[in-house]
Each structure stands twice: as C-alpha cells, then as structure tokens.
C-alpha cells in the first residue's frame, strides 16, 4: 500500500480518482497511513474527492492520472500496432477484443481518426461498430491539400 507511482500517487489517491465505492476508500485508509502523502501536484488523496472539490475541479485534477493510466496501457499492450493491424485486415472480432480495454481507459477520443482508416479501407462494418460503441463522430479529414492562394481555402471553405 505504500507504493507510489511516478507522479507521487498512492493507492489511496487512485481510489479517490477511480473508485465510486466509499468502502474501498475506507478500507485503504484503515490499512495504510497514506492519507497525508502529497502527489507532485501537491494534493493529498482526499483532495481528489468529487464530493469535496466538485465535479469540474475533480475532472481537471484527475486528468493527468487518467492520461498516465492510458499511456501505460497503450505502451504495455502494444495497442497502437495491434489496433492498426486489426483495421488493415478488417478483423471485426479482433477489434471487439481490443476495444474493451481501450474504452475502460477512456481512449476512444485519441483513436477517433481510425474511423477514417476503416472507411478508406472499405471496412464500413468496423467503422459502424466504432461509432456504435461511442467513438466520437465530430471529426473531419481533409483529403486534398489546401492552396494558400485560393481565397476559399483561406476562409476554410475549400472542398
């Protein structure tokens, strides 16, 4: 329980950031003396309590930890290579297996451009699946290079 990650957070920090169960937090508080340890952002675990700091502040405070958690997952699982190979081959079953842990880590926004890869490769079933599970669709892809001398391109109105 005394383990600290590279941004100075203990399991108790993680419990406040990721767990919605008060019982988990209570158990960790009883089992350790980590309640007073500050992370690199100068926050003790209780500073991440959504009820104490409010939803907006909570979202801002937890973002670096969530991003770190996603980066660790992506690196350890070689996700990006496996994801691209799955899209290239049009393997829907493989995509379904890969995507669950990505969603658990909140990484769907980071890989939303994969929708274009699916469409470009003709794998509309993969693109449809990604949209159905919550991949953002408010993204664009420019297929032609803008001409800076074209007045329509300067106004971002080129086709």
N, C-alpha and C. Protein backbone atom coordinates (compact mmCIF):
# COMPACT_ATOMS: atom_id res chain seq x y z
N UNK A 1 0.81 -1.20 0.00
CA UNK A 1 0.00 0.00 0.00
C UNK A 1 0.85 1.26 0.00
N UNK A 2 2.12 1.13 0.28
CA UNK A 2 3.00 2.28 0.30
C UNK A 2 3.64 2.58 -1.04
N UNK A 3 3.20 1.91 -2.09
CA UNK A 3 3.76 2.11 -3.42
C UNK A 3 3.29 3.45 -3.97
N UNK A 4 4.23 4.15 -4.61
CA UNK A 4 3.93 5.46 -5.19
C UNK A 4 4.28 5.43 -6.67
N UNK A 5 3.38 5.96 -7.52
CA UNK A 5 3.68 5.99 -8.96
C UNK A 5 4.61 7.16 -9.28
N UNK A 6 4.90 7.37 -10.57
CA UNK A 6 5.88 8.39 -10.92
C UNK A 6 5.35 9.82 -10.81
N UNK A 7 4.09 9.99 -10.45
CA UNK A 7 3.60 11.34 -10.15
C UNK A 7 3.21 11.45 -8.67
N UNK A 8 3.78 10.55 -7.87
CA UNK A 8 3.66 10.64 -6.43
C UNK A 8 2.35 10.17 -5.83
N UNK A 9 1.57 9.42 -6.59
CA UNK A 9 0.27 9.00 -6.10
C UNK A 9 0.30 7.58 -5.53
N UNK A 10 -0.44 7.42 -4.45
CA UNK A 10 -0.54 6.15 -3.73
C UNK A 10 -1.82 5.43 -4.16
N UNK A 11 -2.00 4.19 -3.72
CA UNK A 11 -3.27 3.51 -4.00
C UNK A 11 -4.49 4.29 -3.47
N UNK A 12 -4.29 5.03 -2.40
CA UNK A 12 -5.40 5.83 -1.87
C UNK A 12 -5.76 6.98 -2.82
N UNK A 13 -4.75 7.58 -3.43
CA UNK A 13 -5.03 8.59 -4.47
C UNK A 13 -5.87 7.95 -5.58
N UNK A 14 -5.41 6.78 -6.03
CA UNK A 14 -6.12 6.08 -7.11
C UNK A 14 -7.55 5.74 -6.73
N UNK A 15 -7.76 5.35 -5.49
CA UNK A 15 -9.11 5.02 -5.04
C UNK A 15 -10.02 6.24 -5.13
N UNK A 16 -9.51 7.39 -4.73
CA UNK A 16 -10.31 8.61 -4.82
C UNK A 16 -10.55 9.01 -6.28
N UNK A 17 -9.58 8.76 -7.13
CA UNK A 17 -9.69 9.16 -8.54
C UNK A 17 -10.59 8.22 -9.34
N UNK A 18 -10.46 6.91 -9.11
CA UNK A 18 -11.14 5.94 -9.96
C UNK A 18 -12.32 5.20 -9.34
N UNK A 19 -12.38 5.11 -8.03
CA UNK A 19 -13.42 4.29 -7.40
C UNK A 19 -14.63 5.13 -7.00
N UNK A 20 -15.79 4.57 -7.20
CA UNK A 20 -17.03 5.22 -6.74
C UNK A 20 -17.52 4.59 -5.45
N UNK A 21 -16.76 3.63 -4.94
CA UNK A 21 -17.17 2.91 -3.73
C UNK A 21 -16.45 3.46 -2.50
N UNK A 22 -17.20 4.05 -1.60
CA UNK A 22 -16.65 4.59 -0.36
C UNK A 22 -15.99 3.50 0.47
N UNK A 23 -16.49 2.26 0.35
CA UNK A 23 -15.94 1.15 1.11
C UNK A 23 -14.48 0.89 0.75
N UNK A 24 -14.14 1.03 -0.52
CA UNK A 24 -12.76 0.83 -0.97
C UNK A 24 -11.85 1.87 -0.34
N UNK A 25 -12.30 3.11 -0.37
CA UNK A 25 -11.51 4.20 0.21
C UNK A 25 -11.35 3.99 1.71
N UNK A 26 -12.43 3.64 2.39
CA UNK A 26 -12.37 3.40 3.84
C UNK A 26 -11.40 2.27 4.17
N UNK A 27 -11.44 1.20 3.39
CA UNK A 27 -10.55 0.06 3.61
C UNK A 27 -9.08 0.47 3.45
N UNK A 28 -8.79 1.23 2.40
CA UNK A 28 -7.41 1.68 2.18
C UNK A 28 -6.96 2.65 3.27
N UNK A 29 -7.85 3.51 3.72
CA UNK A 29 -7.49 4.44 4.79
C UNK A 29 -7.16 3.71 6.08
N UNK A 30 -7.91 2.66 6.38
CA UNK A 30 -7.66 1.88 7.60
C UNK A 30 -6.38 1.06 7.49
N UNK A 31 -6.07 0.60 6.29
CA UNK A 31 -4.93 -0.30 6.10
C UNK A 31 -3.60 0.43 5.91
N UNK A 32 -3.63 1.74 5.69
CA UNK A 32 -2.37 2.44 5.42
C UNK A 32 -2.36 3.81 6.06
N UNK A 33 -1.20 4.42 5.98
CA UNK A 33 -1.07 5.78 6.50
C UNK A 33 -0.74 6.74 5.36
N UNK A 34 -1.34 6.49 4.22
CA UNK A 34 -1.03 7.27 3.01
C UNK A 34 -1.90 8.51 2.86
N UNK A 35 -2.79 8.76 3.79
CA UNK A 35 -3.73 9.87 3.64
C UNK A 35 -3.04 11.23 3.63
N UNK A 36 -1.85 11.33 4.19
CA UNK A 36 -1.15 12.61 4.27
C UNK A 36 -0.13 12.81 3.15
N UNK A 37 0.10 11.81 2.33
CA UNK A 37 1.12 11.90 1.28
C UNK A 37 0.59 12.73 0.12
N UNK A 38 1.38 13.75 -0.26
CA UNK A 38 1.00 14.62 -1.38
C UNK A 38 1.65 14.12 -2.67
N UNK A 39 0.92 14.27 -3.76
CA UNK A 39 1.48 13.91 -5.06
C UNK A 39 2.24 15.10 -5.63
N UNK A 40 2.73 14.99 -6.86
CA UNK A 40 3.53 16.07 -7.44
C UNK A 40 2.69 17.33 -7.69
N UNK A 41 1.39 17.22 -7.64
CA UNK A 41 0.51 18.37 -7.82
C UNK A 41 0.14 19.01 -6.48
N UNK A 42 0.75 18.49 -5.40
CA UNK A 42 0.56 18.97 -4.04
C UNK A 42 -0.84 18.64 -3.49
N UNK A 43 -1.40 17.51 -3.96
CA UNK A 43 -2.71 17.07 -3.49
C UNK A 43 -2.57 15.81 -2.64
N UNK A 44 -3.25 15.80 -1.50
CA UNK A 44 -3.39 14.57 -0.72
C UNK A 44 -4.56 13.80 -1.34
N UNK A 45 -4.69 12.51 -1.04
CA UNK A 45 -5.77 11.73 -1.66
C UNK A 45 -7.16 12.35 -1.54
N UNK A 46 -7.47 12.89 -0.38
CA UNK A 46 -8.80 13.45 -0.16
C UNK A 46 -9.10 14.65 -1.07
N UNK A 47 -8.05 15.31 -1.56
CA UNK A 47 -8.25 16.43 -2.48
C UNK A 47 -8.88 15.99 -3.80
N UNK A 48 -8.88 14.68 -4.06
CA UNK A 48 -9.49 14.14 -5.27
C UNK A 48 -10.92 13.64 -5.02
N UNK A 49 -11.46 13.92 -3.87
CA UNK A 49 -12.82 13.51 -3.55
C UNK A 49 -13.81 14.42 -4.29
N UNK A 50 -14.56 13.84 -5.22
CA UNK A 50 -15.50 14.61 -6.05
C UNK A 50 -16.51 15.38 -5.19
N UNK A 51 -16.94 14.80 -4.09
CA UNK A 51 -17.93 15.46 -3.23
C UNK A 51 -17.36 16.69 -2.54
N UNK A 52 -16.05 16.70 -2.31
CA UNK A 52 -15.43 17.83 -1.62
C UNK A 52 -15.00 18.93 -2.58
N UNK A 53 -14.51 18.55 -3.76
CA UNK A 53 -13.96 19.57 -4.67
C UNK A 53 -14.91 19.95 -5.81
N UNK A 54 -15.97 19.18 -6.02
CA UNK A 54 -16.90 19.48 -7.11
C UNK A 54 -16.52 18.76 -8.39
N UNK A 55 -17.48 18.56 -9.25
CA UNK A 55 -17.28 17.76 -10.46
C UNK A 55 -16.27 18.37 -11.42
N UNK A 56 -16.35 19.68 -11.64
CA UNK A 56 -15.45 20.31 -12.60
C UNK A 56 -14.00 20.25 -12.11
N UNK A 57 -13.77 20.61 -10.87
CA UNK A 57 -12.41 20.56 -10.31
C UNK A 57 -11.91 19.12 -10.29
N UNK A 58 -12.78 18.19 -9.95
CA UNK A 58 -12.42 16.78 -9.94
C UNK A 58 -11.93 16.34 -11.32
N UNK A 59 -12.66 16.72 -12.36
CA UNK A 59 -12.27 16.34 -13.73
C UNK A 59 -10.91 16.90 -14.10
N UNK A 60 -10.66 18.13 -13.73
CA UNK A 60 -9.36 18.76 -14.03
C UNK A 60 -8.24 18.08 -13.24
N UNK A 61 -8.47 17.83 -11.96
CA UNK A 61 -7.43 17.23 -11.11
C UNK A 61 -7.10 15.80 -11.51
N UNK A 62 -8.08 15.04 -11.96
CA UNK A 62 -7.83 13.63 -12.26
C UNK A 62 -7.26 13.41 -13.66
N UNK A 63 -7.37 14.40 -14.56
CA UNK A 63 -6.96 14.25 -15.96
C UNK A 63 -5.52 13.74 -16.10
N UNK A 64 -4.51 14.29 -15.41
CA UNK A 64 -3.15 13.77 -15.59
C UNK A 64 -3.01 12.29 -15.22
N UNK A 65 -3.73 11.86 -14.20
CA UNK A 65 -3.67 10.46 -13.79
C UNK A 65 -4.34 9.56 -14.81
N UNK A 66 -5.48 9.99 -15.32
CA UNK A 66 -6.19 9.23 -16.34
C UNK A 66 -5.34 9.12 -17.60
N UNK A 67 -4.71 10.23 -17.99
CA UNK A 67 -3.84 10.22 -19.18
C UNK A 67 -2.64 9.30 -18.97
N UNK A 68 -2.04 9.34 -17.78
CA UNK A 68 -0.92 8.46 -17.47
C UNK A 68 -1.35 7.00 -17.53
N UNK A 69 -2.50 6.70 -16.98
CA UNK A 69 -3.03 5.34 -16.99
C UNK A 69 -3.25 4.86 -18.42
N UNK A 70 -3.79 5.72 -19.27
CA UNK A 70 -4.00 5.37 -20.68
C UNK A 70 -2.67 5.13 -21.38
N UNK A 71 -1.70 6.01 -21.15
CA UNK A 71 -0.39 5.85 -21.79
C UNK A 71 0.29 4.55 -21.38
N UNK A 72 0.19 4.19 -20.12
CA UNK A 72 0.78 2.93 -19.64
C UNK A 72 0.10 1.76 -20.33
N UNK A 73 -1.23 1.79 -20.40
CA UNK A 73 -1.97 0.73 -21.08
C UNK A 73 -1.54 0.61 -22.54
N UNK A 74 -1.47 1.73 -23.25
CA UNK A 74 -1.12 1.71 -24.67
C UNK A 74 0.28 1.14 -24.89
N UNK A 75 1.21 1.52 -24.04
CA UNK A 75 2.59 1.05 -24.17
C UNK A 75 2.71 -0.43 -23.84
N UNK A 76 2.16 -0.83 -22.71
CA UNK A 76 2.32 -2.22 -22.26
C UNK A 76 1.60 -3.22 -23.15
N UNK A 77 0.51 -2.80 -23.79
CA UNK A 77 -0.26 -3.73 -24.61
C UNK A 77 0.08 -3.65 -26.09
N UNK A 78 1.01 -2.73 -26.46
CA UNK A 78 1.34 -2.53 -27.87
C UNK A 78 0.05 -2.26 -28.66
N UNK A 79 -0.83 -1.50 -28.06
CA UNK A 79 -2.18 -1.31 -28.59
C UNK A 79 -2.18 -0.71 -29.99
N UNK A 80 -1.42 0.34 -30.20
CA UNK A 80 -1.50 1.06 -31.47
C UNK A 80 -1.16 0.17 -32.66
N UNK A 81 -0.13 -0.65 -32.53
CA UNK A 81 0.26 -1.56 -33.62
C UNK A 81 -0.84 -2.60 -33.84
N UNK A 82 -1.31 -3.20 -32.77
CA UNK A 82 -2.37 -4.22 -32.88
C UNK A 82 -3.66 -3.63 -33.45
N UNK A 83 -3.99 -2.43 -33.03
CA UNK A 83 -5.21 -1.75 -33.50
C UNK A 83 -5.12 -1.49 -35.00
N UNK A 84 -4.00 -0.95 -35.45
CA UNK A 84 -3.83 -0.66 -36.88
C UNK A 84 -3.85 -1.94 -37.71
N UNK A 85 -3.22 -3.00 -37.22
CA UNK A 85 -3.23 -4.27 -37.95
C UNK A 85 -4.65 -4.82 -38.06
N UNK A 86 -5.41 -4.69 -37.00
CA UNK A 86 -6.79 -5.17 -36.99
C UNK A 86 -7.64 -4.41 -37.99
N UNK A 87 -7.44 -3.11 -38.06
CA UNK A 87 -8.19 -2.29 -39.03
C UNK A 87 -7.76 -2.62 -40.45
N UNK A 88 -6.45 -2.76 -40.67
CA UNK A 88 -5.94 -3.07 -42.01
C UNK A 88 -6.54 -4.37 -42.55
N UNK A 89 -6.69 -5.35 -41.68
CA UNK A 89 -7.19 -6.66 -42.12
C UNK A 89 -8.71 -6.77 -42.06
N UNK A 90 -9.37 -5.77 -41.45
CA UNK A 90 -10.83 -5.79 -41.36
C UNK A 90 -11.36 -6.83 -40.39
N UNK A 91 -10.61 -7.12 -39.35
CA UNK A 91 -10.95 -8.17 -38.39
C UNK A 91 -11.87 -7.63 -37.29
N UNK A 92 -13.18 -7.79 -37.46
CA UNK A 92 -14.15 -7.27 -36.50
C UNK A 92 -14.04 -7.95 -35.14
N UNK A 93 -13.86 -9.26 -35.11
CA UNK A 93 -13.72 -9.96 -33.83
C UNK A 93 -12.48 -9.49 -33.08
N UNK A 94 -11.39 -9.32 -33.80
CA UNK A 94 -10.17 -8.81 -33.18
C UNK A 94 -10.35 -7.40 -32.64
N UNK A 95 -11.08 -6.58 -33.40
CA UNK A 95 -11.34 -5.21 -32.97
C UNK A 95 -12.17 -5.19 -31.69
N UNK A 96 -13.16 -6.06 -31.61
CA UNK A 96 -14.00 -6.12 -30.41
C UNK A 96 -13.18 -6.49 -29.18
N UNK A 97 -12.22 -7.39 -29.34
CA UNK A 97 -11.37 -7.78 -28.21
C UNK A 97 -10.44 -6.65 -27.78
N UNK A 98 -9.93 -5.91 -28.75
CA UNK A 98 -9.00 -4.82 -28.45
C UNK A 98 -9.70 -3.62 -27.81
N UNK A 99 -10.91 -3.36 -28.23
CA UNK A 99 -11.55 -2.10 -27.90
C UNK A 99 -12.04 -2.00 -26.46
N UNK A 100 -12.41 -3.12 -25.85
CA UNK A 100 -12.94 -3.08 -24.48
C UNK A 100 -11.96 -2.44 -23.50
N UNK A 101 -10.69 -2.87 -23.45
CA UNK A 101 -9.78 -2.21 -22.51
C UNK A 101 -9.51 -0.74 -22.88
N UNK A 102 -9.56 -0.41 -24.17
CA UNK A 102 -9.37 0.99 -24.56
C UNK A 102 -10.49 1.85 -23.99
N UNK A 103 -11.71 1.37 -24.08
CA UNK A 103 -12.85 2.12 -23.53
C UNK A 103 -12.75 2.24 -22.02
N UNK A 104 -12.25 1.20 -21.36
CA UNK A 104 -12.08 1.24 -19.90
C UNK A 104 -11.07 2.31 -19.49
N UNK A 105 -10.13 2.60 -20.38
CA UNK A 105 -9.12 3.63 -20.11
C UNK A 105 -9.49 4.98 -20.72
N UNK A 106 -10.66 5.08 -21.32
CA UNK A 106 -11.12 6.35 -21.88
C UNK A 106 -10.34 6.82 -23.09
N UNK A 107 -9.86 5.90 -23.90
CA UNK A 107 -9.01 6.27 -25.03
C UNK A 107 -9.70 6.40 -26.37
N UNK A 108 -11.03 6.35 -26.39
CA UNK A 108 -11.71 6.37 -27.68
C UNK A 108 -11.49 7.68 -28.45
N UNK A 109 -11.37 8.80 -27.76
CA UNK A 109 -11.16 10.07 -28.44
C UNK A 109 -9.79 10.11 -29.11
N UNK A 110 -8.80 9.54 -28.47
CA UNK A 110 -7.44 9.54 -29.01
C UNK A 110 -7.36 8.77 -30.34
N UNK A 111 -8.24 7.81 -30.53
CA UNK A 111 -8.19 6.98 -31.73
C UNK A 111 -9.38 7.19 -32.66
N UNK A 112 -10.05 8.33 -32.52
CA UNK A 112 -11.24 8.58 -33.34
C UNK A 112 -10.93 8.65 -34.83
N UNK A 113 -9.72 9.02 -35.19
CA UNK A 113 -9.35 9.08 -36.62
C UNK A 113 -9.36 7.70 -37.26
N UNK A 114 -9.40 6.66 -36.46
CA UNK A 114 -9.47 5.29 -37.01
C UNK A 114 -10.74 5.09 -37.82
N UNK A 115 -11.76 5.90 -37.54
CA UNK A 115 -12.99 5.81 -38.34
C UNK A 115 -12.68 6.05 -39.82
N UNK A 116 -11.81 7.02 -40.09
CA UNK A 116 -11.44 7.30 -41.48
C UNK A 116 -10.62 6.16 -42.07
N UNK A 117 -9.76 5.57 -41.27
CA UNK A 117 -8.97 4.42 -41.75
C UNK A 117 -9.90 3.29 -42.16
N UNK A 118 -10.92 3.05 -41.35
CA UNK A 118 -11.88 1.98 -41.66
C UNK A 118 -12.62 2.27 -42.96
N UNK A 119 -13.09 3.49 -43.11
CA UNK A 119 -13.83 3.87 -44.32
C UNK A 119 -12.92 3.83 -45.53
N UNK A 120 -11.71 4.36 -45.40
CA UNK A 120 -10.76 4.38 -46.52
C UNK A 120 -10.41 2.97 -46.99
N UNK A 121 -10.37 2.03 -46.07
CA UNK A 121 -10.05 0.64 -46.42
C UNK A 121 -11.29 -0.15 -46.84
N UNK A 122 -12.46 0.48 -46.76
CA UNK A 122 -13.69 -0.20 -47.16
C UNK A 122 -14.29 -1.08 -46.07
N UNK A 123 -13.84 -0.92 -44.85
CA UNK A 123 -14.34 -1.72 -43.73
C UNK A 123 -15.43 -0.95 -42.99
N UNK A 124 -16.56 -0.77 -43.66
CA UNK A 124 -17.65 0.01 -43.08
C UNK A 124 -18.23 -0.66 -41.84
N UNK A 125 -18.15 -1.99 -41.77
CA UNK A 125 -18.64 -2.69 -40.57
C UNK A 125 -17.81 -2.32 -39.34
N UNK A 126 -16.51 -2.12 -39.54
CA UNK A 126 -15.66 -1.72 -38.41
C UNK A 126 -15.99 -0.29 -37.99
N UNK A 127 -16.14 0.60 -38.98
CA UNK A 127 -16.47 2.00 -38.67
C UNK A 127 -17.81 2.08 -37.94
N UNK A 128 -18.78 1.32 -38.40
CA UNK A 128 -20.10 1.31 -37.78
C UNK A 128 -20.01 0.82 -36.33
N UNK A 129 -19.23 -0.22 -36.11
CA UNK A 129 -19.04 -0.75 -34.76
C UNK A 129 -18.42 0.31 -33.84
N UNK A 130 -17.39 1.00 -34.33
CA UNK A 130 -16.72 2.02 -33.52
C UNK A 130 -17.68 3.16 -33.15
N UNK A 131 -18.52 3.55 -34.08
CA UNK A 131 -19.50 4.61 -33.81
C UNK A 131 -20.52 4.12 -32.78
N UNK A 132 -20.97 2.89 -32.93
CA UNK A 132 -21.98 2.34 -32.01
C UNK A 132 -21.48 2.25 -30.57
N UNK A 133 -20.18 2.00 -30.39
CA UNK A 133 -19.67 1.87 -29.02
C UNK A 133 -19.24 3.20 -28.42
N UNK A 134 -19.35 4.28 -29.20
CA UNK A 134 -19.11 5.59 -28.60
C UNK A 134 -17.94 6.38 -29.13
N UNK A 135 -17.32 5.95 -30.22
CA UNK A 135 -16.25 6.76 -30.78
C UNK A 135 -16.83 8.08 -31.26
N UNK A 136 -16.14 9.19 -31.03
CA UNK A 136 -16.67 10.49 -31.44
C UNK A 136 -16.78 10.60 -32.96
N UNK A 137 -17.83 11.25 -33.41
CA UNK A 137 -18.05 11.42 -34.85
C UNK A 137 -17.94 12.88 -35.28
N UNK A 138 -17.54 13.73 -34.37
CA UNK A 138 -17.40 15.15 -34.71
C UNK A 138 -15.97 15.47 -35.16
N UNK A 139 -15.47 14.66 -36.08
CA UNK A 139 -14.11 14.81 -36.59
C UNK A 139 -14.17 14.97 -38.10
N UNK A 140 -13.12 15.53 -38.66
CA UNK A 140 -13.06 15.73 -40.11
C UNK A 140 -11.70 15.28 -40.62
N UNK A 141 -11.66 14.99 -41.91
CA UNK A 141 -10.41 14.63 -42.55
C UNK A 141 -10.37 15.35 -43.89
N UNK A 142 -9.27 16.00 -44.15
CA UNK A 142 -9.10 16.72 -45.40
C UNK A 142 -8.34 15.81 -46.36
N UNK A 143 -8.96 15.51 -47.49
CA UNK A 143 -8.35 14.61 -48.45
C UNK A 143 -7.50 15.33 -49.49
N UNK A 144 -7.71 16.63 -49.65
CA UNK A 144 -6.91 17.39 -50.61
C UNK A 144 -6.18 18.49 -49.86
N UNK A 145 -4.98 18.79 -50.32
CA UNK A 145 -4.18 19.83 -49.69
C UNK A 145 -4.75 21.19 -50.08
N UNK A 146 -4.89 22.06 -49.11
CA UNK A 146 -5.38 23.41 -49.38
C UNK A 146 -4.33 24.22 -50.13
N UNK A 147 -4.82 25.08 -51.00
CA UNK A 147 -3.97 26.01 -51.74
C UNK A 147 -4.03 27.34 -51.00
N UNK A 148 -2.93 27.80 -50.41
CA UNK A 148 -2.97 29.05 -49.64
C UNK A 148 -3.32 30.27 -50.49
N UNK A 149 -3.17 30.17 -51.82
CA UNK A 149 -3.51 31.29 -52.70
C UNK A 149 -4.99 31.31 -53.06
N UNK A 150 -5.71 30.25 -52.76
CA UNK A 150 -7.14 30.17 -53.05
C UNK A 150 -7.90 30.86 -51.91
N UNK A 151 -8.69 31.87 -52.25
CA UNK A 151 -9.40 32.64 -51.22
C UNK A 151 -10.39 31.77 -50.44
N UNK A 152 -10.96 30.76 -51.07
CA UNK A 152 -11.88 29.87 -50.36
C UNK A 152 -11.15 29.03 -49.32
N UNK A 153 -9.94 28.61 -49.64
CA UNK A 153 -9.15 27.84 -48.67
C UNK A 153 -8.75 28.71 -47.49
N UNK A 154 -8.44 29.96 -47.77
CA UNK A 154 -8.05 30.88 -46.70
C UNK A 154 -9.18 31.06 -45.69
N UNK A 155 -10.43 30.90 -46.17
CA UNK A 155 -11.59 31.03 -45.28
C UNK A 155 -12.05 29.67 -44.77
N UNK A 156 -11.25 28.62 -45.03
CA UNK A 156 -11.57 27.26 -44.62
C UNK A 156 -12.87 26.78 -45.28
N UNK A 157 -13.12 27.23 -46.49
CA UNK A 157 -14.33 26.86 -47.21
C UNK A 157 -14.02 26.00 -48.43
N UNK A 158 -12.79 25.53 -48.57
CA UNK A 158 -12.45 24.72 -49.73
C UNK A 158 -13.07 23.33 -49.59
N UNK A 159 -13.20 22.66 -50.71
CA UNK A 159 -13.85 21.34 -50.66
C UNK A 159 -12.87 20.21 -50.60
